[in-house]
Structures are given as C-alpha cells and as structure tokens.
Amino acid sequence: MSVDPSTYPEDLQAIATLVQDAAIGRKDDCLSLLSLLRLLEALHRDIREHLFQDTLPRNRQNLYALLRDIEANGGWPYIHRMKIRRLLDNVPMPDDAESSPLD
C-alpha cells in the first residue's frame, strides 16, 4: 500500500496499520472493502463535523499558519468517491449488434 505510517505519531501509526491490515484481509471481497470504506468515510465526516470545525482559526495569523501547513503538507483531507462509469470499466460490455433488443 502507498501510505507510509511511519511519518505520523505513534497512535496514528497504530490506526493506519490496523486499517491496512483490515483492507488486506478483505482484498478479494468487494462488499467487505466497501464496508470498510464506508466506515472510514463516516469517521472522516464525524471528526470533521464534531471536532475539527471547532478548531478552525479565529484570526488571520492562525488562518495563514493553517493555509501554509495545508500547502506544505499535502493539501486538504478528502475522500474521493468513484464515479459509476469507473465501476463499469471492469465489466465486459456486449457488442451492440449482439445485444440489440429488436432481434
């Protein structure tokens, strides 16, 4: 996996290792991996809405410091959602001639 937990504090390293192990243990189970992704998304949303937003800067100096940190350390946390079209990339599509409903 591409995440290097060693760049984080020890408690976050432990969380990253647990999540990576959980994902690897589910590597051949699409629905189980989807469940893990849903859990991570829910945790992300809960932390953002109930803890993080209350810590946002209240003055220009702190806002500037936050923006510099975001720029220097990889941007804003974001959970990317796949588009439906991407789900279809692995599904073989029949030829139009073979699948015509008029035949």
Protein backbone atom coordinates (compact mmCIF):
# COMPACT_ATOMS: atom_id res chain seq x y z
CA MET A 1 0.00 0.00 0.00
CA SER A 2 1.19 3.53 -0.68
CA VAL A 3 0.65 5.03 2.80
CA ASP A 4 3.76 5.23 4.98
CA PRO A 5 2.51 5.23 8.58
CA SER A 6 6.00 5.99 9.94
CA THR A 7 5.55 9.69 9.11
CA TYR A 8 2.74 10.00 11.68
CA PRO A 9 2.64 9.99 15.50
CA GLU A 10 2.70 6.56 17.14
CA ASP A 11 -1.03 6.38 17.90
CA LEU A 12 -1.89 7.23 14.28
CA GLN A 13 0.68 4.69 13.05
CA ALA A 14 -1.20 2.02 15.00
CA ILE A 15 -4.51 3.09 13.45
CA ALA A 16 -3.01 3.11 9.95
CA THR A 17 -1.57 -0.37 10.45
CA LEU A 18 -4.92 -1.71 11.69
CA VAL A 19 -6.77 -0.19 8.72
CA GLN A 20 -4.20 -1.51 6.24
CA ASP A 21 -4.39 -4.99 7.80
CA ALA A 22 -8.20 -4.87 7.68
CA ALA A 23 -8.09 -3.88 3.99
CA ILE A 24 -5.54 -6.56 3.08
CA GLY A 25 -7.63 -9.17 4.89
CA ARG A 26 -10.58 -8.20 2.68
CA LYS A 27 -8.65 -7.83 -0.60
CA ASP A 28 -10.79 -10.29 -2.55
CA ASP A 29 -14.15 -9.21 -1.11
CA CYS A 30 -15.61 -6.15 -2.83
CA LEU A 31 -18.55 -5.74 -0.43
CA SER A 32 -16.35 -6.09 2.63
CA LEU A 33 -13.91 -3.48 1.28
CA LEU A 34 -16.86 -1.21 0.51
CA SER A 35 -17.99 -1.59 4.11
CA LEU A 36 -14.52 -0.57 5.31
CA LEU A 37 -14.54 2.47 3.01
CA ARG A 38 -17.97 3.48 4.31
CA LEU A 39 -16.72 3.24 7.88
CA LEU A 40 -13.68 5.38 7.09
CA GLU A 41 -15.87 7.95 5.34
CA ALA A 42 -18.25 8.08 8.33
CA LEU A 43 -15.32 8.54 10.72
CA HIS A 44 -13.89 11.27 8.49
CA ARG A 45 -17.23 13.09 8.45
CA ASP A 46 -17.74 12.71 12.21
CA ILE A 47 -14.26 14.03 13.06
CA ARG A 48 -14.65 16.93 10.63
CA GLU A 49 -18.11 17.97 11.85
CA HIS A 50 -17.78 17.39 15.60
CA LEU A 51 -14.12 18.05 16.38
CA PHE A 52 -12.16 19.66 13.54
CA GLN A 53 -14.51 22.51 12.65
CA ASP A 54 -14.40 23.81 16.24
CA THR A 55 -10.61 24.13 15.98
CA LEU A 56 -10.55 26.25 12.81
CA PRO A 57 -8.70 29.58 13.11
CA ARG A 58 -10.44 32.62 14.53
CA ASN A 59 -7.86 35.19 13.37
CA ARG A 60 -5.77 35.95 10.30
CA GLN A 61 -2.44 34.82 11.73
CA ASN A 62 -3.76 31.38 12.64
CA LEU A 63 -5.58 31.11 9.31
CA TYR A 64 -2.35 31.93 7.49
CA ALA A 65 -0.48 29.30 9.52
CA LEU A 66 -3.15 26.70 8.72
CA LEU A 67 -3.08 27.50 4.99
CA ARG A 68 0.72 27.30 4.92
CA ASP A 69 0.59 23.91 6.63
CA ILE A 70 -2.04 22.68 4.17
CA GLU A 71 0.10 23.83 1.25
CA ALA A 72 3.32 22.38 2.66
CA ASN A 73 1.96 19.05 3.86
CA GLY A 74 -0.28 17.71 1.16
CA GLY A 75 -3.48 19.66 1.00
CA TRP A 76 -6.90 19.26 2.50
CA PRO A 77 -8.08 15.79 3.58
CA TYR A 78 -10.52 14.44 1.04
CA ILE A 79 -12.24 11.13 0.48
CA HIS A 80 -12.58 10.55 -3.25
CA ARG A 81 -15.72 8.81 -4.49
CA MET A 82 -15.64 6.65 -7.56
CA LYS A 83 -17.91 7.52 -10.43
CA ILE A 84 -20.37 4.89 -11.66
CA ARG A 85 -18.60 4.87 -15.03
CA ARG A 86 -15.41 3.67 -13.30
CA LEU A 87 -17.33 0.70 -11.85
CA LEU A 88 -18.19 -0.37 -15.38
CA ASP A 89 -14.55 -0.38 -16.54
CA ASN A 90 -14.09 -4.00 -15.43
CA VAL A 91 -17.41 -5.27 -16.78
CA PRO A 92 -17.27 -6.63 -20.33
CA MET A 93 -19.90 -5.00 -22.50
CA PRO A 94 -21.62 -7.00 -25.25
CA ASP A 95 -21.33 -5.82 -28.85
CA ASP A 96 -24.21 -3.58 -29.90
CA ALA A 97 -25.22 -5.99 -32.65
CA GLU A 98 -25.39 -8.93 -30.26
CA SER A 99 -27.40 -7.10 -27.63
CA SER A 100 -29.99 -5.47 -29.84
CA PRO A 101 -33.45 -5.83 -28.25
CA LEU A 102 -35.03 -5.96 -31.72
CA ASP A 103 -33.55 -9.34 -32.67
